């Protein structure tokens, strides 16, 4: 018998400027999933509270409560949403294009973003007494150059062809980080064009950091 109970509320624990949170907000908007927004303030160290670590044991954002489950790590969340909400897919049907999307995702998720996060930069400038901005710029430029090399052949209107994918959900917040660390997109013309196209989409406007309720003008 079909259940008549109301679906459980979707809750996103996130921070406005977190790249990983932003990716998930894009996917939720693209899939048309309404959710409750809960701010976890990274600069106040709320991510390391015992309460939050029950949601995400790594003490990071985001964490998503959905379908009676609590999920953490942005790429795992993106994959779950793709597998359970098949409307408006964010992965191409073609296996080579799917692999290309995942390669681009990992460039951002594994090679760039960890090197620019708060905990790493605090360690670099604090314990190791190194220039945090120069450190971040080094790894961002390395990853962005690799992303640009791939999308120079894979891109259509967006990063891989003419349909929005996970790769687009990842590059938008990364471009925001480029601005914060004073890296010009003129170095990456294909990325710049793709980002301009994505910026016209309502879902991407809705998910943008500056559109969030906890956004701070800095």
N, C-alpha and C. Protein backbone atom coordinates (compact mmCIF):
# COMPACT_ATOMS: atom_id res chain seq x y z
N UNK A 1 0.84 -1.20 0.00
CA UNK A 1 0.00 0.00 0.00
C UNK A 1 0.88 1.25 0.00
N UNK A 2 0.47 2.25 -0.75
CA UNK A 2 1.23 3.47 -0.84
C UNK A 2 1.08 4.29 0.43
N UNK A 3 2.19 4.81 0.92
CA UNK A 3 2.15 5.60 2.15
C UNK A 3 1.48 6.94 1.90
N UNK A 4 0.68 7.38 2.87
CA UNK A 4 0.03 8.68 2.78
C UNK A 4 0.69 9.69 3.70
N UNK A 5 1.77 9.30 4.38
CA UNK A 5 2.45 10.21 5.28
C UNK A 5 3.19 11.28 4.50
N UNK A 6 3.31 12.45 5.11
CA UNK A 6 4.00 13.56 4.45
C UNK A 6 5.49 13.25 4.35
N UNK A 7 6.14 13.70 3.27
CA UNK A 7 7.58 13.47 3.16
C UNK A 7 8.32 14.23 4.25
N UNK A 8 9.44 13.67 4.70
CA UNK A 8 10.21 14.33 5.74
C UNK A 8 10.84 15.61 5.21
N UNK A 9 11.02 16.56 6.11
CA UNK A 9 11.59 17.84 5.73
C UNK A 9 13.05 17.68 5.31
N UNK A 10 13.42 18.40 4.26
CA UNK A 10 14.82 18.43 3.82
C UNK A 10 15.50 19.61 4.52
N UNK A 11 16.63 19.35 5.15
CA UNK A 11 17.36 20.38 5.88
C UNK A 11 18.81 20.41 5.40
N UNK A 12 19.28 21.58 5.04
CA UNK A 12 20.67 21.74 4.62
C UNK A 12 21.42 22.55 5.68
N UNK A 13 22.41 21.91 6.28
CA UNK A 13 23.30 22.59 7.22
C UNK A 13 24.50 23.06 6.41
N UNK A 14 24.67 24.38 6.33
CA UNK A 14 25.69 24.90 5.42
C UNK A 14 26.11 26.31 5.83
N UNK A 15 27.03 26.86 5.07
CA UNK A 15 27.53 28.21 5.29
C UNK A 15 27.56 28.92 3.95
N UNK A 16 27.20 30.16 3.93
CA UNK A 16 26.97 30.88 2.68
C UNK A 16 28.15 30.85 1.72
N UNK A 17 29.38 30.97 2.25
CA UNK A 17 30.55 31.09 1.40
C UNK A 17 31.31 29.78 1.23
N UNK A 18 30.83 28.72 1.83
CA UNK A 18 31.46 27.42 1.68
C UNK A 18 31.27 26.89 0.26
N UNK A 19 32.38 26.56 -0.40
CA UNK A 19 32.30 26.02 -1.77
C UNK A 19 31.49 24.73 -1.82
N UNK A 20 31.74 23.84 -0.84
CA UNK A 20 31.05 22.55 -0.83
C UNK A 20 29.56 22.73 -0.62
N UNK A 21 29.18 23.65 0.27
CA UNK A 21 27.76 23.94 0.50
C UNK A 21 27.11 24.48 -0.76
N UNK A 22 27.81 25.36 -1.41
CA UNK A 22 27.30 26.03 -2.61
C UNK A 22 26.99 25.01 -3.70
N UNK A 23 27.86 24.03 -3.89
CA UNK A 23 27.60 22.98 -4.89
C UNK A 23 26.26 22.30 -4.64
N UNK A 24 26.02 21.99 -3.37
CA UNK A 24 24.79 21.29 -3.02
C UNK A 24 23.59 22.20 -3.21
N UNK A 25 23.72 23.47 -2.88
CA UNK A 25 22.60 24.41 -3.10
C UNK A 25 22.24 24.47 -4.59
N UNK A 26 23.26 24.46 -5.46
CA UNK A 26 22.98 24.47 -6.90
C UNK A 26 22.20 23.22 -7.30
N UNK A 27 22.64 22.07 -6.83
CA UNK A 27 21.95 20.82 -7.20
C UNK A 27 20.52 20.80 -6.67
N UNK A 28 20.32 21.26 -5.45
CA UNK A 28 18.97 21.30 -4.87
C UNK A 28 18.08 22.24 -5.69
N UNK A 29 18.61 23.39 -6.06
CA UNK A 29 17.83 24.33 -6.87
C UNK A 29 17.53 23.74 -8.24
N UNK A 30 18.53 23.09 -8.84
CA UNK A 30 18.34 22.52 -10.17
C UNK A 30 17.28 21.41 -10.16
N UNK A 31 17.28 20.63 -9.09
CA UNK A 31 16.32 19.54 -8.98
C UNK A 31 14.96 20.00 -8.44
N UNK A 32 14.86 21.28 -8.07
CA UNK A 32 13.59 21.81 -7.57
C UNK A 32 13.23 21.29 -6.19
N UNK A 33 14.22 21.07 -5.34
CA UNK A 33 13.99 20.53 -4.00
C UNK A 33 14.00 21.66 -2.99
N UNK A 34 12.87 21.85 -2.33
CA UNK A 34 12.79 22.85 -1.27
C UNK A 34 13.45 22.33 -0.01
N UNK A 35 14.07 23.21 0.75
CA UNK A 35 14.75 22.78 1.96
C UNK A 35 14.80 23.90 2.99
N UNK A 36 14.99 23.49 4.22
CA UNK A 36 15.23 24.45 5.30
C UNK A 36 16.72 24.76 5.36
N UNK A 37 17.04 26.02 5.43
CA UNK A 37 18.44 26.48 5.43
C UNK A 37 18.88 26.69 6.87
N UNK A 38 19.92 25.97 7.29
CA UNK A 38 20.48 26.14 8.63
C UNK A 38 21.93 26.57 8.48
N UNK A 39 22.27 27.71 9.05
CA UNK A 39 23.64 28.23 8.98
C UNK A 39 24.52 27.56 10.03
N UNK A 40 25.67 27.10 9.58
CA UNK A 40 26.73 26.64 10.47
C UNK A 40 27.89 27.61 10.26
N UNK A 41 28.13 28.50 11.22
CA UNK A 41 29.07 29.60 11.01
C UNK A 41 30.50 29.11 11.18
N UNK A 42 31.21 29.03 10.06
CA UNK A 42 32.56 28.47 10.09
C UNK A 42 33.54 29.36 10.86
N UNK A 43 33.37 30.66 10.78
CA UNK A 43 34.30 31.57 11.46
C UNK A 43 34.09 31.58 12.97
N UNK A 44 32.95 31.05 13.41
CA UNK A 44 32.69 30.90 14.84
C UNK A 44 32.94 29.47 15.31
N UNK A 45 33.48 28.65 14.42
CA UNK A 45 33.87 27.26 14.71
C UNK A 45 32.67 26.37 15.06
N UNK A 46 31.49 26.74 14.57
CA UNK A 46 30.31 25.95 14.88
C UNK A 46 30.36 24.57 14.25
N UNK A 47 31.16 24.41 13.20
CA UNK A 47 31.27 23.11 12.53
C UNK A 47 31.94 22.07 13.42
N UNK A 48 32.65 22.49 14.43
CA UNK A 48 33.34 21.55 15.32
C UNK A 48 32.58 21.28 16.61
N UNK A 49 31.35 21.77 16.69
CA UNK A 49 30.54 21.46 17.86
C UNK A 49 30.14 19.99 17.86
N UNK A 50 29.92 19.44 19.03
CA UNK A 50 29.51 18.04 19.12
C UNK A 50 28.18 17.82 18.40
N UNK A 51 27.31 18.81 18.47
CA UNK A 51 26.02 18.70 17.79
C UNK A 51 26.20 18.55 16.29
N UNK A 52 27.09 19.39 15.71
CA UNK A 52 27.28 19.31 14.26
C UNK A 52 28.03 18.04 13.87
N UNK A 53 28.97 17.61 14.69
CA UNK A 53 29.73 16.41 14.35
C UNK A 53 28.87 15.15 14.38
N UNK A 54 27.72 15.23 15.00
CA UNK A 54 26.78 14.10 14.89
C UNK A 54 26.17 14.05 13.49
N UNK A 55 26.15 15.19 12.80
CA UNK A 55 25.66 15.24 11.41
C UNK A 55 26.78 14.96 10.42
N UNK A 56 27.92 15.57 10.65
CA UNK A 56 29.09 15.39 9.78
C UNK A 56 30.31 15.13 10.67
N UNK A 57 30.71 13.88 10.82
CA UNK A 57 31.80 13.53 11.74
C UNK A 57 33.11 14.24 11.46
N UNK A 58 33.31 14.74 10.22
CA UNK A 58 34.53 15.45 9.89
C UNK A 58 34.52 16.89 10.40
N UNK A 59 33.39 17.34 10.92
CA UNK A 59 33.31 18.72 11.37
C UNK A 59 33.39 19.71 10.23
N UNK A 60 32.64 19.42 9.17
CA UNK A 60 32.63 20.28 7.99
C UNK A 60 31.19 20.53 7.56
N UNK A 61 31.03 21.41 6.60
CA UNK A 61 29.75 21.56 5.92
C UNK A 61 29.97 21.15 4.46
N UNK A 62 28.88 20.70 3.83
CA UNK A 62 27.50 20.66 4.29
C UNK A 62 27.14 19.32 4.93
N UNK A 63 25.94 19.30 5.51
CA UNK A 63 25.26 18.06 5.85
C UNK A 63 23.82 18.23 5.39
N UNK A 64 23.27 17.19 4.81
CA UNK A 64 21.91 17.26 4.26
C UNK A 64 21.06 16.17 4.89
N UNK A 65 19.95 16.59 5.48
CA UNK A 65 18.96 15.65 6.00
C UNK A 65 17.89 15.50 4.93
N UNK A 66 17.72 14.28 4.43
CA UNK A 66 16.80 14.04 3.32
C UNK A 66 16.35 12.58 3.34
N UNK A 67 15.08 12.36 3.07
CA UNK A 67 14.53 11.00 3.00
C UNK A 67 14.78 10.20 4.28
N UNK A 68 14.84 10.89 5.41
CA UNK A 68 15.08 10.20 6.67
C UNK A 68 16.53 9.86 6.93
N UNK A 69 17.44 10.36 6.08
CA UNK A 69 18.87 10.08 6.22
C UNK A 69 19.64 11.38 6.40
N UNK A 70 20.82 11.28 6.99
CA UNK A 70 21.72 12.42 7.08
C UNK A 70 22.96 12.10 6.27
N UNK A 71 23.23 12.93 5.26
CA UNK A 71 24.35 12.72 4.35
C UNK A 71 25.34 13.86 4.48
N UNK A 72 26.62 13.53 4.34
CA UNK A 72 27.66 14.55 4.37
C UNK A 72 28.62 14.32 3.21
N UNK A 73 29.47 15.31 2.98
CA UNK A 73 30.42 15.36 1.86
C UNK A 73 29.66 15.69 0.57
N UNK A 74 30.03 16.81 -0.02
CA UNK A 74 29.22 17.38 -1.09
C UNK A 74 29.09 16.47 -2.31
N UNK A 75 30.15 15.80 -2.73
CA UNK A 75 30.06 14.96 -3.92
C UNK A 75 29.17 13.76 -3.67
N UNK A 76 29.25 13.18 -2.48
CA UNK A 76 28.35 12.07 -2.14
C UNK A 76 26.90 12.53 -2.16
N UNK A 77 26.66 13.75 -1.69
CA UNK A 77 25.30 14.30 -1.70
C UNK A 77 24.82 14.52 -3.14
N UNK A 78 25.70 15.07 -3.99
CA UNK A 78 25.33 15.26 -5.39
C UNK A 78 24.96 13.94 -6.05
N UNK A 79 25.75 12.91 -5.80
CA UNK A 79 25.47 11.60 -6.38
C UNK A 79 24.13 11.04 -5.88
N UNK A 80 23.86 11.23 -4.59
CA UNK A 80 22.59 10.74 -4.04
C UNK A 80 21.41 11.45 -4.69
N UNK A 81 21.51 12.75 -4.82
CA UNK A 81 20.42 13.50 -5.45
C UNK A 81 20.21 13.06 -6.89
N UNK A 82 21.30 12.78 -7.60
CA UNK A 82 21.20 12.34 -8.99
C UNK A 82 20.54 10.96 -9.08
N UNK A 83 20.84 10.10 -8.14
CA UNK A 83 20.32 8.74 -8.18
C UNK A 83 18.87 8.65 -7.72
N UNK A 84 18.44 9.57 -6.87
CA UNK A 84 17.09 9.49 -6.31
C UNK A 84 16.13 10.50 -6.94
N UNK A 85 16.64 11.52 -7.58
CA UNK A 85 15.82 12.53 -8.26
C UNK A 85 16.31 12.63 -9.70
N UNK A 86 15.78 11.80 -10.55
CA UNK A 86 16.31 11.66 -11.91
C UNK A 86 15.86 12.76 -12.86
N UNK A 87 14.87 13.55 -12.44
CA UNK A 87 14.46 14.67 -13.29
C UNK A 87 15.57 15.71 -13.32
N UNK A 88 15.72 16.33 -14.47
CA UNK A 88 16.75 17.35 -14.68
C UNK A 88 18.12 16.82 -14.28
N UNK A 89 18.61 15.81 -14.98
CA UNK A 89 19.88 15.17 -14.61
C UNK A 89 21.06 16.13 -14.66
N UNK A 90 22.04 15.84 -13.81
CA UNK A 90 23.28 16.61 -13.75
C UNK A 90 24.49 15.78 -14.17
N UNK A 91 24.22 14.61 -14.70
CA UNK A 91 25.26 13.78 -15.31
C UNK A 91 24.81 13.40 -16.72
N UNK A 92 25.69 13.50 -17.70
CA UNK A 92 25.32 13.12 -19.07
C UNK A 92 25.05 11.62 -19.19
N UNK A 93 24.30 11.24 -20.19
CA UNK A 93 24.03 9.82 -20.44
C UNK A 93 25.26 9.13 -21.01
N UNK A 94 26.02 9.84 -21.82
CA UNK A 94 27.21 9.27 -22.46
C UNK A 94 28.28 8.97 -21.42
N UNK A 95 28.82 7.74 -21.38
CA UNK A 95 29.78 7.38 -20.33
C UNK A 95 31.07 8.16 -20.36
N UNK A 96 31.55 8.54 -21.54
CA UNK A 96 32.77 9.32 -21.62
C UNK A 96 32.54 10.73 -21.06
N UNK A 97 31.40 11.31 -21.42
CA UNK A 97 31.07 12.63 -20.88
C UNK A 97 30.86 12.58 -19.37
N UNK A 98 30.26 11.49 -18.88
CA UNK A 98 30.08 11.33 -17.43
C UNK A 98 31.44 11.29 -16.73
N UNK A 99 32.37 10.54 -17.33
CA UNK A 99 33.71 10.45 -16.75
C UNK A 99 34.41 11.81 -16.79
N UNK A 100 34.21 12.57 -17.85
CA UNK A 100 34.81 13.90 -17.96
C UNK A 100 34.25 14.82 -16.88
N UNK A 101 32.94 14.76 -16.67
CA UNK A 101 32.33 15.56 -15.61
C UNK A 101 32.94 15.21 -14.26
N UNK A 102 33.05 13.92 -13.99
CA UNK A 102 33.59 13.49 -12.69
C UNK A 102 35.06 13.89 -12.55
N UNK A 103 35.81 13.85 -13.64
CA UNK A 103 37.20 14.30 -13.60
C UNK A 103 37.27 15.78 -13.23
N UNK A 104 36.44 16.59 -13.84
CA UNK A 104 36.41 18.02 -13.53
C UNK A 104 36.00 18.27 -12.08
N UNK A 105 35.02 17.52 -11.63
CA UNK A 105 34.58 17.63 -10.23
C UNK A 105 35.74 17.37 -9.29
N UNK A 106 36.50 16.31 -9.56
CA UNK A 106 37.59 15.95 -8.66
C UNK A 106 38.75 16.94 -8.70
N UNK A 107 38.95 17.60 -9.84
CA UNK A 107 39.97 18.65 -9.88
C UNK A 107 39.64 19.73 -8.86
N UNK A 108 38.39 20.13 -8.82
CA UNK A 108 37.97 21.15 -7.85
C UNK A 108 37.90 20.58 -6.45
N UNK A 109 37.23 19.44 -6.31
CA UNK A 109 36.94 18.88 -4.99
C UNK A 109 38.18 18.36 -4.28
N UNK A 110 39.10 17.75 -5.02
CA UNK A 110 40.26 17.11 -4.40
C UNK A 110 41.55 17.89 -4.54
N UNK A 111 41.73 18.59 -5.67
CA UNK A 111 43.01 19.23 -5.93
C UNK A 111 43.06 20.71 -5.56
N UNK A 112 41.91 21.39 -5.60
CA UNK A 112 41.91 22.83 -5.30
C UNK A 112 41.31 23.13 -3.93
N UNK A 113 40.05 22.76 -3.74
CA UNK A 113 39.31 23.22 -2.57
C UNK A 113 39.96 22.88 -1.23
N UNK A 114 40.50 21.67 -1.05
CA UNK A 114 41.13 21.38 0.25
C UNK A 114 42.31 22.29 0.56
N UNK A 115 42.99 22.78 -0.47
CA UNK A 115 44.16 23.62 -0.27
C UNK A 115 43.82 25.06 0.10
N UNK A 116 42.55 25.44 -0.11
CA UNK A 116 42.16 26.82 0.16
C UNK A 116 41.19 26.93 1.33
N UNK A 117 40.91 25.80 2.00
CA UNK A 117 39.93 25.90 3.09
C UNK A 117 40.53 26.52 4.34
N UNK A 118 39.68 26.95 5.23
CA UNK A 118 40.10 27.73 6.40
C UNK A 118 41.10 26.98 7.26
N UNK A 119 40.82 25.72 7.54
CA UNK A 119 41.70 24.96 8.44
C UNK A 119 43.12 24.85 7.89
N UNK A 120 43.23 24.60 6.59
CA UNK A 120 44.55 24.48 5.97
C UNK A 120 45.27 25.82 5.97
N UNK A 121 44.56 26.88 5.59
CA UNK A 121 45.20 28.20 5.54
C UNK A 121 45.62 28.67 6.92
N UNK A 122 44.82 28.37 7.94
CA UNK A 122 45.20 28.73 9.31
C UNK A 122 46.48 28.01 9.72
N UNK A 123 46.60 26.75 9.32
CA UNK A 123 47.79 25.95 9.64
C UNK A 123 49.01 26.51 8.91
N UNK A 124 48.83 26.85 7.64
CA UNK A 124 49.93 27.37 6.84
C UNK A 124 50.48 28.68 7.43
N UNK A 125 49.55 29.60 7.76
CA UNK A 125 50.00 30.91 8.25
C UNK A 125 50.36 30.89 9.72
N UNK A 126 49.73 29.98 10.49
CA UNK A 126 49.99 29.92 11.92
C UNK A 126 51.20 29.10 12.27
N UNK A 127 51.09 27.79 12.18
CA UNK A 127 52.17 26.90 12.58
C UNK A 127 53.38 26.99 11.66
N UNK A 128 53.13 27.10 10.35
CA UNK A 128 54.25 27.07 9.40
C UNK A 128 54.74 28.45 8.98
N UNK A 129 54.05 29.51 9.40
CA UNK A 129 54.49 30.89 9.18
C UNK A 129 54.71 31.21 7.70
N UNK A 130 53.84 30.67 6.85
CA UNK A 130 53.93 30.92 5.42
C UNK A 130 52.79 31.84 4.97
N UNK A 131 52.96 32.41 3.81
CA UNK A 131 51.97 33.33 3.24
C UNK A 131 50.75 32.53 2.77
N UNK A 132 49.64 32.67 3.47
CA UNK A 132 48.45 31.88 3.14
C UNK A 132 47.89 32.22 1.77
N UNK A 133 47.95 33.48 1.39
CA UNK A 133 47.42 33.89 0.09
C UNK A 133 48.25 33.28 -1.05
N UNK A 134 49.59 33.33 -0.91
CA UNK A 134 50.45 32.75 -1.95
C UNK A 134 50.25 31.25 -2.06
N UNK A 135 50.06 30.58 -0.92
CA UNK A 135 49.78 29.13 -0.90
C UNK A 135 48.50 28.84 -1.68
N UNK A 136 47.44 29.57 -1.33
CA UNK A 136 46.15 29.33 -2.00
C UNK A 136 46.25 29.61 -3.49
N UNK A 137 46.90 30.69 -3.86
CA UNK A 137 47.03 31.03 -5.28
C UNK A 137 47.77 29.95 -6.07
N UNK A 138 48.80 29.38 -5.46
CA UNK A 138 49.57 28.33 -6.13
C UNK A 138 48.67 27.17 -6.53
N UNK A 139 47.88 26.66 -5.60
CA UNK A 139 47.07 25.47 -5.86
C UNK A 139 45.83 25.79 -6.68
N UNK A 140 45.29 26.97 -6.49
CA UNK A 140 44.13 27.36 -7.30
C UNK A 140 44.55 27.47 -8.77
N UNK A 141 45.68 28.13 -9.03
CA UNK A 141 46.13 28.29 -10.41
C UNK A 141 46.45 26.94 -11.06
N UNK A 142 47.05 26.05 -10.30
CA UNK A 142 47.37 24.72 -10.85
C UNK A 142 46.10 23.98 -11.24
N UNK A 143 45.10 23.98 -10.36
CA UNK A 143 43.85 23.29 -10.64
C UNK A 143 43.03 23.96 -11.73
N UNK A 144 42.98 25.28 -11.71
CA UNK A 144 42.20 26.00 -12.72
C UNK A 144 42.81 25.81 -14.10
N UNK A 145 44.13 25.75 -14.19
CA UNK A 145 44.78 25.51 -15.48
C UNK A 145 44.40 24.14 -16.03
N UNK A 146 44.34 23.14 -15.15
CA UNK A 146 43.95 21.79 -15.58
C UNK A 146 42.49 21.77 -16.02
N UNK A 147 41.63 22.43 -15.24
CA UNK A 147 40.20 22.51 -15.60
C UNK A 147 40.04 23.19 -16.95
N UNK A 148 40.76 24.29 -17.16
CA UNK A 148 40.69 25.02 -18.43
C UNK A 148 41.14 24.15 -19.59
N UNK A 149 42.20 23.39 -19.40
CA UNK A 149 42.71 22.54 -20.48
C UNK A 149 41.64 21.54 -20.93
N UNK A 150 40.93 20.96 -19.96
CA UNK A 150 39.90 19.97 -20.30
C UNK A 150 38.69 20.62 -20.95
N UNK A 151 38.18 21.71 -20.34
CA UNK A 151 36.96 22.30 -20.89
C UNK A 151 37.21 23.01 -22.21
N UNK A 152 38.45 23.29 -22.54
CA UNK A 152 38.72 23.90 -23.84
C UNK A 152 38.31 22.98 -24.99
N UNK A 153 38.20 21.68 -24.70
CA UNK A 153 37.73 20.72 -25.72
C UNK A 153 36.36 20.13 -25.38
N UNK A 154 35.98 20.10 -24.07
CA UNK A 154 34.72 19.45 -23.68
C UNK A 154 33.54 20.41 -23.66
N UNK A 155 33.79 21.70 -23.54
CA UNK A 155 32.71 22.65 -23.32
C UNK A 155 31.89 22.90 -24.57
N UNK A 156 30.59 23.09 -24.33
CA UNK A 156 29.70 23.67 -25.30
C UNK A 156 29.28 24.99 -24.68
N UNK A 157 28.01 25.08 -24.36
CA UNK A 157 27.54 26.26 -23.63
C UNK A 157 28.04 26.22 -22.19
N UNK A 158 28.15 24.98 -21.66
CA UNK A 158 28.59 24.78 -20.27
C UNK A 158 29.86 23.92 -20.25
N UNK A 159 30.26 23.44 -19.11
CA UNK A 159 31.58 22.79 -18.98
C UNK A 159 31.73 21.55 -19.85
N UNK A 160 30.68 20.75 -19.93
CA UNK A 160 30.71 19.54 -20.76
C UNK A 160 29.45 19.57 -21.64
N UNK A 161 29.62 20.04 -22.85
CA UNK A 161 28.48 20.12 -23.75
C UNK A 161 27.55 21.27 -23.42
N UNK A 162 26.29 21.08 -23.78
CA UNK A 162 25.30 22.15 -23.64
C UNK A 162 24.30 21.92 -22.51
N UNK A 163 24.57 20.93 -21.66
CA UNK A 163 23.70 20.67 -20.53
C UNK A 163 24.46 20.92 -19.22
N UNK A 164 23.75 21.43 -18.23
CA UNK A 164 24.35 21.69 -16.92
C UNK A 164 24.70 20.38 -16.24
N UNK A 165 25.88 20.34 -15.61
CA UNK A 165 26.35 19.12 -14.96
C UNK A 165 26.95 19.45 -13.59
N UNK A 166 27.35 18.38 -12.89
CA UNK A 166 28.07 18.53 -11.62
C UNK A 166 29.28 19.45 -11.78
N UNK A 167 29.96 19.37 -12.91
CA UNK A 167 31.15 20.20 -13.12
C UNK A 167 30.82 21.68 -13.01
N UNK A 168 29.67 22.06 -13.52
CA UNK A 168 29.23 23.46 -13.43
C UNK A 168 28.91 23.85 -11.99
N UNK A 169 28.32 22.91 -11.26
CA UNK A 169 28.01 23.17 -9.85
C UNK A 169 29.28 23.37 -9.03
N UNK A 170 30.38 22.78 -9.47
CA UNK A 170 31.64 22.92 -8.75
C UNK A 170 32.44 24.14 -9.18
N UNK A 171 32.40 24.50 -10.46
CA UNK A 171 33.26 25.59 -10.92
C UNK A 171 32.75 26.95 -10.47
N UNK A 172 31.46 27.11 -10.32
CA UNK A 172 30.93 28.42 -9.94
C UNK A 172 31.46 28.87 -8.57
N UNK A 173 31.35 28.07 -7.50
CA UNK A 173 31.93 28.52 -6.23
C UNK A 173 33.44 28.65 -6.27
N UNK A 174 34.10 27.85 -7.11
CA UNK A 174 35.54 27.97 -7.21
C UNK A 174 35.95 29.29 -7.86
N UNK A 175 35.17 29.74 -8.81
CA UNK A 175 35.44 31.03 -9.43
C UNK A 175 35.28 32.17 -8.41
N UNK A 176 34.30 32.03 -7.54
CA UNK A 176 34.12 33.00 -6.46
C UNK A 176 35.37 33.04 -5.59
N UNK A 177 35.92 31.87 -5.30
CA UNK A 177 37.15 31.80 -4.50
C UNK A 177 38.31 32.44 -5.26
N UNK A 178 38.35 32.28 -6.57
CA UNK A 178 39.39 32.94 -7.36
C UNK A 178 39.36 34.44 -7.14
N UNK A 179 38.17 35.00 -7.13
CA UNK A 179 38.03 36.43 -6.90
C UNK A 179 38.55 36.82 -5.52
N UNK A 180 38.22 36.02 -4.52
CA UNK A 180 38.68 36.30 -3.16
C UNK A 180 40.20 36.29 -3.06
N UNK A 181 40.84 35.41 -3.83
CA UNK A 181 42.30 35.30 -3.77
C UNK A 181 42.99 36.05 -4.91
N UNK A 182 42.23 36.94 -5.58
CA UNK A 182 42.77 37.86 -6.58
C UNK A 182 43.41 37.13 -7.76
N UNK A 183 42.68 36.17 -8.29
CA UNK A 183 43.10 35.45 -9.49
C UNK A 183 42.11 35.79 -10.61
N UNK A 184 42.61 36.34 -11.68
CA UNK A 184 41.76 36.80 -12.77
C UNK A 184 41.32 35.64 -13.66
N UNK A 185 40.06 35.68 -14.06
CA UNK A 185 39.56 34.67 -14.99
C UNK A 185 40.07 34.89 -16.41
N UNK A 186 40.71 36.01 -16.65
CA UNK A 186 41.28 36.23 -17.99
C UNK A 186 42.32 35.17 -18.33
N UNK A 187 42.87 34.52 -17.29
CA UNK A 187 43.83 33.43 -17.53
C UNK A 187 43.14 32.16 -18.05
N UNK A 188 41.80 32.12 -17.92
CA UNK A 188 41.05 30.89 -18.23
C UNK A 188 39.83 31.25 -19.08
N UNK A 189 40.04 31.53 -20.37
CA UNK A 189 38.95 32.08 -21.21
C UNK A 189 37.75 31.15 -21.37
N UNK A 190 37.97 29.84 -21.44
CA UNK A 190 36.82 28.94 -21.59
C UNK A 190 36.00 28.92 -20.32
N UNK A 191 36.67 28.82 -19.19
CA UNK A 191 35.96 28.86 -17.91
C UNK A 191 35.18 30.17 -17.79
N UNK A 192 35.80 31.26 -18.16
CA UNK A 192 35.14 32.57 -18.07
C UNK A 192 33.85 32.59 -18.89
N UNK A 193 33.90 32.04 -20.09
CA UNK A 193 32.70 32.01 -20.94
C UNK A 193 31.61 31.13 -20.35
N UNK A 194 32.00 29.95 -19.86
CA UNK A 194 31.04 29.02 -19.25
C UNK A 194 30.38 29.66 -18.03
N UNK A 195 31.17 30.31 -17.22
CA UNK A 195 30.64 30.94 -16.00
C UNK A 195 29.66 32.07 -16.34
N UNK A 196 29.96 32.81 -17.37
CA UNK A 196 29.03 33.86 -17.80
C UNK A 196 27.70 33.25 -18.23
N UNK A 197 27.72 32.13 -18.92
CA UNK A 197 26.49 31.46 -19.33
C UNK A 197 25.72 30.93 -18.12
N UNK A 198 26.44 30.33 -17.18
CA UNK A 198 25.79 29.79 -15.99
C UNK A 198 25.17 30.90 -15.14
N UNK A 199 25.80 32.05 -15.15
CA UNK A 199 25.31 33.17 -14.35
C UNK A 199 23.96 33.68 -14.78
N UNK A 200 23.51 33.29 -15.97
CA UNK A 200 22.20 33.71 -16.46
C UNK A 200 21.07 32.81 -15.96
N UNK A 201 21.41 31.67 -15.37
CA UNK A 201 20.40 30.69 -14.96
C UNK A 201 19.85 31.02 -13.58
N UNK A 202 18.53 30.97 -13.43
CA UNK A 202 17.89 31.35 -12.17
C UNK A 202 18.33 30.46 -11.02
N UNK A 203 18.53 29.17 -11.30
CA UNK A 203 18.93 28.24 -10.23
C UNK A 203 20.30 28.62 -9.67
N UNK A 204 21.17 29.08 -10.52
CA UNK A 204 22.50 29.47 -10.07
C UNK A 204 22.46 30.80 -9.33
N UNK A 205 21.56 31.69 -9.73
CA UNK A 205 21.38 32.94 -9.00
C UNK A 205 20.83 32.66 -7.60
N UNK A 206 19.88 31.74 -7.50
CA UNK A 206 19.28 31.39 -6.22
C UNK A 206 20.30 30.78 -5.27
N UNK A 207 21.22 29.99 -5.79
CA UNK A 207 22.20 29.30 -4.96
C UNK A 207 23.42 30.14 -4.63
N UNK A 208 23.55 31.30 -5.26
CA UNK A 208 24.76 32.12 -5.10
C UNK A 208 24.99 32.50 -3.64
N UNK A 209 26.25 32.56 -3.26
CA UNK A 209 26.59 32.88 -1.86
C UNK A 209 25.92 34.16 -1.38
N UNK A 210 25.94 35.19 -2.20
CA UNK A 210 25.40 36.48 -1.78
C UNK A 210 23.89 36.50 -1.66
N UNK A 211 23.22 35.44 -2.13
CA UNK A 211 21.77 35.34 -2.03
C UNK A 211 21.31 34.61 -0.78
N UNK A 212 22.26 34.14 0.04
CA UNK A 212 21.89 33.33 1.19
C UNK A 212 21.57 34.19 2.42
N UNK A 213 20.72 33.67 3.31
CA UNK A 213 20.29 34.48 4.46
C UNK A 213 21.40 34.86 5.42
N UNK A 214 22.48 34.11 5.46
CA UNK A 214 23.59 34.42 6.38
C UNK A 214 24.73 35.13 5.67
N UNK A 215 24.51 35.59 4.44
CA UNK A 215 25.57 36.23 3.68
C UNK A 215 26.03 37.51 4.37
N UNK A 216 27.35 37.68 4.37
CA UNK A 216 27.95 38.86 4.95
C UNK A 216 28.65 39.62 3.84
N UNK A 217 28.47 40.87 3.80
CA UNK A 217 29.12 41.68 2.79
C UNK A 217 30.53 42.02 3.26
N UNK A 218 31.52 41.40 2.63
CA UNK A 218 32.91 41.62 3.04
C UNK A 218 33.73 42.11 1.86
